[in-house]
Protein backbone atom coordinates (compact mmCIF):
# COMPACT_ATOMS: atom_id res chain seq x y z
CA MET A 1 43.56 107.54 171.71
CA GLN A 2 44.13 104.44 174.09
CA ARG A 3 47.63 104.48 175.60
CA ARG A 4 50.11 101.67 174.77
CA ASP A 5 53.23 100.53 176.78
CA PHE A 6 55.45 98.24 175.11
CA LEU A 7 58.92 97.13 174.59
CA THR A 8 60.62 99.22 171.72
CA LEU A 9 63.24 96.89 170.49
CA PRO A 10 61.50 94.02 168.98
CA SER A 11 58.13 95.83 168.28
CA VAL A 12 59.51 98.74 165.90
CA ALA A 13 61.79 96.80 163.58
CA GLY A 14 60.95 97.10 160.08
CA ALA A 15 59.77 93.75 158.31
CA ALA A 16 62.06 94.46 155.39
CA LEU A 17 65.15 94.56 157.92
CA ALA A 18 66.56 91.89 160.28
CA SER A 19 65.82 92.73 163.77
CA PRO A 20 68.92 93.88 166.00
CA ASN A 21 70.15 91.27 168.43
CA THR A 22 69.07 92.51 171.65
CA ASP A 23 70.82 89.96 174.10
CA GLY A 24 72.32 91.78 177.11
CA LEU A 25 70.93 95.05 176.24
CA PRO A 26 68.99 97.25 178.69
CA GLN A 27 65.41 96.84 178.74
CA TYR A 28 63.75 99.69 177.17
CA ARG A 29 59.88 100.75 177.76
CA VAL A 30 58.24 103.17 175.57
CA HIS A 31 55.29 105.08 177.00
CA SER A 32 53.38 106.89 174.09
CA SER A 33 49.92 107.34 172.89
CA TYR A 34 50.72 108.13 169.63
CA THR A 35 50.47 105.63 166.65
CA PRO A 36 52.89 105.71 163.54
CA ALA A 37 51.98 107.51 160.20
CA ARG A 38 51.23 105.42 157.29
CA GLN A 39 54.79 106.36 155.90
CA PRO A 40 56.63 107.39 158.95
CA GLY A 41 59.23 110.29 158.40
CA MET A 42 62.39 107.98 159.01
CA PRO A 43 63.19 106.53 156.62
CA GLY A 44 60.83 108.43 154.49
CA PRO A 45 60.00 108.32 150.97
CA PHE A 46 63.49 107.93 150.17
CA PRO A 47 65.26 105.25 151.97
CA GLY A 48 68.94 104.89 151.14
CA LYS A 49 69.10 107.92 148.94
CA VAL A 50 71.57 110.54 150.01
CA VAL A 51 72.22 113.68 147.84
CA ASP A 52 75.64 114.92 148.88
CA VAL A 53 76.38 118.88 147.52
CA HIS A 54 79.86 120.23 147.74
CA ALA A 55 80.93 123.80 147.25
CA ALA A 56 84.30 124.82 148.10
CA ASN A 57 83.35 128.45 148.33
CA SER A 58 80.55 127.77 150.77
CA ILE A 59 82.82 129.05 153.33
CA ASP A 60 86.30 130.55 153.87
CA PRO A 61 88.69 128.54 156.27
CA GLY A 62 90.77 131.87 156.90
CA THR A 63 87.74 133.73 158.61
CA ASP A 64 85.13 131.10 158.95
CA LYS A 65 82.67 133.08 157.16
CA VAL A 66 79.82 131.15 155.21
CA ASP A 67 78.53 132.64 152.01
CA ALA A 68 74.72 132.72 152.24
CA ALA A 69 74.23 132.62 148.49
CA VAL A 70 76.21 129.49 147.91
CA VAL A 71 74.36 127.65 150.69
CA ALA A 72 70.96 128.88 149.18
CA GLU A 73 72.15 127.15 145.73
CA MET A 74 73.43 124.12 147.80
CA MET A 75 70.12 123.71 149.51
CA LYS A 76 67.91 124.20 146.28
CA GLN A 77 70.17 121.76 144.32
CA GLY A 78 70.12 119.13 147.17
CA LEU A 79 66.53 119.26 147.48
CA LEU A 80 65.65 119.22 143.81
CA ALA A 81 67.94 116.09 143.23
CA LEU A 82 66.47 114.35 146.11
CA THR A 83 62.98 114.73 145.13
CA GLY A 84 63.21 114.82 141.30
CA GLU A 85 61.15 118.21 141.23
CA LYS A 86 62.17 121.15 138.73
CA ASP A 87 61.18 123.79 141.36
CA TYR A 88 62.52 123.96 144.60
CA ARG A 89 59.06 125.16 146.27
CA ALA A 90 57.45 121.86 144.70
CA ALA A 91 60.57 119.95 146.34
CA TRP A 92 59.80 121.59 149.82
CA ARG A 93 56.20 120.51 149.31
CA ARG A 94 56.95 117.09 149.19
CA PHE A 95 57.53 117.19 152.80
CA ILE A 96 56.03 120.33 154.35
CA ASP A 97 52.87 121.67 153.57
CA PRO A 98 51.93 125.56 154.12
CA LYS A 99 49.74 124.61 157.01
CA ASP A 100 52.24 122.73 158.82
CA VAL A 101 53.60 123.75 161.96
CA VAL A 102 57.45 123.23 161.51
CA GLY A 103 60.11 122.39 164.03
CA ILE A 104 63.71 122.81 163.04
CA LYS A 105 65.93 120.49 165.33
CA LEU A 106 69.17 122.46 165.60
CA ASN A 107 72.51 120.88 167.07
CA CYS A 108 73.87 123.39 169.68
CA SER A 109 75.91 120.94 172.03
CA GLY A 110 78.96 122.34 170.94
CA ALA A 111 77.93 126.11 170.33
CA PRO A 112 78.78 128.65 169.70
CA LYS A 113 81.92 127.37 168.00
CA ILE A 114 80.38 124.32 166.20
CA CYS A 115 76.64 124.11 165.66
CA SER A 116 74.07 124.15 163.21
CA HIS A 117 75.13 126.97 161.28
CA PRO A 118 72.88 130.28 161.47
CA VAL A 119 73.21 131.10 157.94
CA VAL A 120 72.13 127.39 157.07
CA VAL A 121 68.92 127.44 159.47
CA ALA A 122 68.00 130.89 158.08
CA GLU A 123 68.09 129.57 154.34
CA ILE A 124 65.96 126.79 155.55
CA CYS A 125 63.44 129.26 156.95
CA LYS A 126 63.45 131.54 153.92
CA GLN A 127 62.65 128.66 151.70
CA LEU A 128 59.90 127.36 153.87
CA ILE A 129 58.56 130.71 153.97
CA ALA A 130 58.76 131.12 150.09
CA THR A 131 56.78 127.87 149.73
CA GLY A 132 53.92 129.33 151.95
CA VAL A 133 54.66 128.45 155.30
CA PRO A 134 54.05 131.54 157.87
CA ALA A 135 57.04 132.51 159.68
CA LYS A 136 55.09 132.31 163.09
CA ASN A 137 54.65 128.52 162.35
CA ILE A 138 58.39 127.79 162.29
CA THR A 139 60.50 127.05 165.32
CA CYS A 140 63.97 126.29 165.95
CA TYR A 141 64.41 124.05 168.80
CA GLU A 142 67.07 122.80 171.17
CA ARG A 143 67.40 121.56 174.77
CA PHE A 144 69.43 124.20 176.60
CA GLN A 145 68.87 127.96 176.66
CA ASP A 146 72.30 129.03 177.33
CA GLN A 147 73.57 126.90 174.03
CA VAL A 148 70.88 128.26 171.90
CA SER A 149 71.43 131.89 172.98
CA SER A 150 75.00 131.79 172.43
CA VAL A 151 74.51 131.28 168.63
CA LYS A 152 72.45 134.57 168.42
CA TYR A 153 69.99 132.87 165.82
CA PRO A 154 67.52 135.47 165.63
CA THR A 155 69.91 138.16 164.22
CA TYR A 156 69.91 135.57 161.08
CA LEU A 157 66.42 134.41 161.08
CA PRO A 158 63.48 135.83 159.01
CA ASP A 159 61.20 138.11 161.18
CA GLY A 160 58.58 136.18 162.99
CA VAL A 161 60.52 132.74 162.96
CA ASN A 162 60.60 131.41 166.72
CA VAL A 163 63.59 130.19 168.78
CA TRP A 164 63.01 127.84 171.65
CA ALA A 165 64.62 125.82 174.32
CA ALA A 166 63.37 123.07 176.30
CA SER A 167 65.41 124.22 179.46
CA SER A 168 66.68 127.37 180.99
CA LEU A 169 68.23 124.98 183.70
CA ARG A 170 69.97 121.81 182.79
CA ASP A 171 67.61 119.67 184.94
CA ALA A 172 64.31 121.55 184.40
CA ILE A 173 61.67 119.35 182.88
CA ASN A 174 58.76 121.78 182.34
CA GLY A 175 59.65 121.69 178.41
CA TYR A 176 58.99 118.09 178.48
CA ASP A 177 55.90 115.79 177.82
CA PRO A 178 55.26 113.91 181.06
CA ARG A 179 52.99 111.37 179.23
CA THR A 180 55.71 110.30 176.48
CA TYR A 181 58.90 108.91 177.26
CA VAL A 182 61.16 106.09 177.46
CA GLU A 183 61.96 104.29 180.62
CA VAL A 184 65.16 102.45 181.24
CA ASP A 185 67.50 101.57 184.20
CA PHE A 186 71.12 101.73 183.13
CA PHE A 187 72.97 101.54 186.38
CA GLY A 188 70.20 101.81 189.14
CA GLU A 189 70.10 105.63 188.59
CA ASP A 190 67.38 107.72 190.56
CA ASP A 191 65.67 108.83 187.45
CA THR A 192 64.81 106.23 184.90
CA ARG A 193 62.72 108.17 182.49
CA SER A 194 63.83 110.27 179.46
CA ASN A 195 60.62 112.27 178.33
CA ILE A 196 60.11 113.93 174.69
CA VAL A 197 60.27 117.48 173.92
CA ARG A 198 56.94 118.85 174.61
CA LEU A 199 56.63 120.78 171.26
CA ILE A 200 57.52 117.54 169.21
CA SER A 201 54.26 115.63 170.71
CA GLU A 202 51.81 118.74 171.32
CA ARG A 203 52.53 121.27 168.66
CA PHE A 204 54.94 120.24 165.76
CA THR A 205 53.16 118.62 162.69
CA LYS A 206 56.56 118.16 160.86
CA ILE A 207 60.35 118.34 162.05
CA ILE A 208 63.43 119.06 159.94
CA ASN A 209 66.60 117.67 161.42
CA VAL A 210 69.94 120.02 160.94
CA PRO A 211 72.71 118.07 162.50
CA ASN A 212 76.79 118.62 162.11
CA MET A 213 79.58 116.44 160.91
CA LYS A 214 81.14 115.63 164.30
CA ASP A 215 82.86 112.75 165.91
CA HIS A 216 81.74 111.88 169.54
CA GLY A 217 83.66 110.37 172.19
CA ALA A 218 80.89 107.94 173.09
CA SER A 219 78.79 107.29 169.80
CA GLY A 220 81.53 107.53 167.48
CA VAL A 221 79.81 110.23 165.78
CA THR A 222 76.86 112.65 165.98
CA GLY A 223 74.97 112.72 163.10
CA CYS A 224 71.25 112.70 162.26
CA LEU A 225 70.39 110.04 164.61
CA LYS A 226 72.01 111.17 167.61
CA ASN A 227 71.03 114.78 166.97
CA ILE A 228 67.33 113.73 166.68
CA ALA A 229 67.27 111.20 169.53
CA TYR A 230 69.37 112.72 172.43
CA GLY A 231 68.23 116.30 171.15
CA SER A 232 64.86 115.77 171.61
CA PHE A 233 64.48 114.10 175.10
CA HIS A 234 65.44 114.88 178.43
CA ASN A 235 67.97 112.96 180.91
CA VAL A 236 70.02 111.08 178.07
CA ALA A 237 73.59 111.80 179.27
CA ARG A 238 73.17 109.01 181.73
CA SER A 239 73.67 106.61 178.98
CA HIS A 240 77.55 107.60 178.55
CA ARG A 241 78.23 107.94 182.32
CA PHE A 242 80.85 105.33 182.47
CA GLU A 243 83.58 103.84 180.04
CA LYS A 244 81.30 101.15 178.66
CA THR A 245 78.09 103.35 177.41
CA ASN A 246 74.65 102.37 176.24
CA THR A 247 74.74 104.83 173.31
CA TYR A 248 74.63 101.71 170.90
CA SER A 249 71.02 100.92 171.65
CA PHE A 250 69.52 104.17 173.42
CA ILE A 251 70.16 106.46 170.28
CA GLY A 252 68.04 104.18 167.96
CA THR A 253 65.39 103.60 170.62
CA LEU A 254 64.86 107.11 171.21
CA ALA A 255 64.68 108.05 167.40
CA SER A 256 61.94 105.10 167.01
CA VAL A 257 59.80 106.60 169.59
CA GLU A 258 56.22 107.98 168.06
CA PRO A 259 55.46 110.90 167.10
CA LEU A 260 59.16 111.91 166.64
CA ARG A 261 59.71 109.09 164.07
CA SER A 262 56.80 109.96 162.01
CA ARG A 263 57.07 113.66 162.06
CA THR A 264 60.86 113.87 161.28
CA VAL A 265 60.45 114.27 157.65
CA LEU A 266 63.80 115.63 156.34
CA GLN A 267 67.63 115.21 157.29
CA ILE A 268 69.76 118.22 156.15
CA MET A 269 73.27 117.50 157.41
CA ASP A 270 75.34 120.92 157.72
CA GLY A 271 78.82 119.66 156.73
CA ILE A 272 80.04 123.29 156.27
CA LYS A 273 82.33 122.80 158.93
CA GLY A 274 82.77 119.92 161.23
CA VAL A 275 84.96 118.26 164.25
CA TRP A 276 87.00 115.35 163.86
CA HIS A 277 87.97 114.73 167.18
CA GLY A 278 86.51 115.87 170.67
CA GLY A 279 82.87 116.18 169.57
CA PRO A 280 80.42 117.18 170.28
CA PHE A 281 82.45 120.15 171.38
CA LEU A 282 85.41 121.89 169.68
CA HIS A 283 88.00 121.85 172.32
CA GLN A 284 91.03 122.54 170.09
CA ASP A 285 90.60 124.67 167.00
CA ARG A 286 92.97 122.19 165.06
CA PHE A 287 90.30 119.52 165.43
CA ARG A 288 87.98 121.75 163.29
CA PHE A 289 87.86 120.88 159.64
CA TYR A 290 86.02 122.07 156.51
CA PRO A 291 83.85 119.53 154.55
CA ALA A 292 81.93 122.30 152.80
CA ARG A 293 79.22 120.14 152.00
CA MET A 294 75.59 119.38 152.87
CA MET A 295 73.82 116.07 152.68
CA PHE A 296 69.96 115.57 151.92
CA GLY A 297 67.79 112.99 152.72
CA THR A 298 64.93 111.17 154.59
CA ASP A 299 67.10 108.41 155.71
CA PRO A 300 69.19 109.20 158.80
CA VAL A 301 71.09 105.80 158.70
CA ALA A 302 72.08 106.24 155.17
CA ILE A 303 73.46 109.91 155.75
CA ASP A 304 75.12 108.57 158.95
CA ARG A 305 76.64 105.70 157.65
CA LEU A 306 78.48 108.01 155.17
CA LEU A 307 79.27 110.55 157.81
CA THR A 308 81.16 107.86 159.57
CA ASP A 309 83.45 107.42 156.40
CA ILE A 310 84.18 111.35 156.31
CA ILE A 311 85.01 111.35 159.71
CA GLU A 312 87.33 108.14 159.74
CA GLU A 313 89.02 109.31 156.74
CA LYS A 314 89.96 112.99 158.24
CA ARG A 315 91.14 110.94 161.54
CA LYS A 316 93.09 108.48 159.63
CA ALA A 317 94.73 111.51 157.78
CA GLU A 318 95.51 113.28 160.78
CA GLY A 319 96.95 110.14 162.40
CA ALA A 320 94.28 109.56 165.03
CA ILE A 321 92.93 106.13 166.14
CA SER A 322 90.03 105.00 164.61
CA VAL A 323 86.28 105.67 165.75
CA PHE A 324 86.03 101.83 165.67
CA ASN A 325 88.80 101.45 167.89
CA ARG A 326 87.14 100.00 171.38
CA SER A 327 90.46 99.18 173.08
CA MET A 328 90.60 99.96 176.57
CA ASP A 329 94.23 100.88 176.21
CA TYR A 330 93.26 104.18 174.93
CA VAL A 331 90.31 104.88 177.14
CA LYS A 332 90.76 107.81 179.75
CA LYS A 333 94.64 107.18 179.16
CA GLY A 334 95.09 110.97 178.41
CA ASP A 335 93.04 114.14 177.91
CA PHE A 336 90.45 113.67 175.33
CA ARG A 337 90.20 117.32 174.82
CA LYS A 338 93.74 117.67 173.40
CA ASP A 339 94.94 114.10 172.56
CA PRO A 340 93.24 112.74 169.48
CA ASN A 341 94.62 109.17 170.57
CA THR A 342 92.57 109.13 173.85
CA ASN A 343 88.88 107.94 174.10
CA ASN A 344 86.66 109.00 176.74
CA PHE A 345 84.43 106.02 176.24
CA ILE A 346 84.45 102.98 174.09
CA ARG A 347 82.93 104.44 171.25
CA GLU A 348 79.87 102.82 169.65
CA PRO A 349 79.60 103.80 165.92
CA GLY A 350 77.80 100.59 165.80
CA HIS A 351 74.52 102.47 166.93
CA ILE A 352 73.88 103.24 163.36
CA GLU A 353 73.54 99.66 162.18
CA PHE A 354 71.58 99.14 165.12
CA ALA A 355 69.26 101.87 164.08
CA GLY A 356 69.00 100.42 160.69
CA GLY A 357 67.79 97.14 162.24
CA LEU A 358 65.01 98.90 163.91
CA GLY A 359 63.59 100.10 160.46
CA LEU A 360 65.13 103.63 160.66
CA GLY A 361 66.76 103.30 157.32
CA VAL A 362 69.49 101.77 155.14
CA PHE A 363 72.93 100.89 156.51
CA ASP A 364 74.34 98.56 153.87
CA LYS A 365 76.49 100.94 151.76
CA SER A 366 76.05 98.84 148.95
CA LYS A 367 72.33 99.72 149.04
CA ILE A 368 72.96 103.39 149.47
CA ASN A 369 72.27 105.40 146.37
CA ARG A 370 74.98 108.30 146.98
CA LYS A 371 74.39 111.18 144.28
CA GLU A 372 77.07 113.78 144.52
CA ILE A 373 76.96 117.46 143.17
CA LYS A 374 79.60 119.81 143.00
CA LEU A 375 78.96 123.60 142.67
């Protein structure tokens, strides 16, 4: 296959969506030899469709204990409603074939206090195995070994399922593909390349994205887009080194890179518990909250658009400034880890709309089909 070098922003925008305004944005160059699938996994076969399953008894806020049986039913009902199938195994097969090598993208940036819950991840694996996927063909992956190890996923997962991290040390690059990367110079940094996780380009045939419901000091929220983008590439934190960040355009650009875009076929938002301030970490227990819900879809933009409302409503109820507040009056004027009326950066929740302009999904809330289920 012939290698192609191309500027990402104008080239990947969907024909049915307006291309985002790239004036004044960094110049991104994608190096990839992979061509898009006929129907890329993002936005996938269900653009603009989100199934929101709420179960108040999925978690006990007093003990943080998650009910595995309730989670299993939430997952089955969510997938059935998303696909229209009558059997959960048939629903899974709309996305995953028994011959696939499956990657499950964890979110462990705030582990062990806040992460893709091991009960949720274990249930995904159990249901995949029930549809015929061998356990050895399932790998739960993340960037950093220390974060993954802190959650102790293997004690929850079915025998044979793999847990893998790209880096044992934060700057190690052996777990990344040297041939597939995004090159961009944000501020004259020495290393201007962000390489994709090696297993994404070389092994996985399908990817399931499992983010949390979290706010984020730089991007506004951490949802499907940020988890699959920043969590699948090396050298990404440089985008928010200074008060004015590049998260607005970098997140969508990374998520658009092939083969990541085509192989990410399902979004399962773990909203059993979340973080309304201080994300991606849980600096204070009082910033934890319990949405007790999960969202299902193939469209990361649509899910993240709804996530923004959830985080924004919770912050408003707590008397915190909006995730849309971009005033420098609140930036680094206090301790972000303790004060919900302080920002570390100028937040960029607009990254979700920008990603929609790249063809990754539906941002317009009036065009999002949200089906709510209460168990």
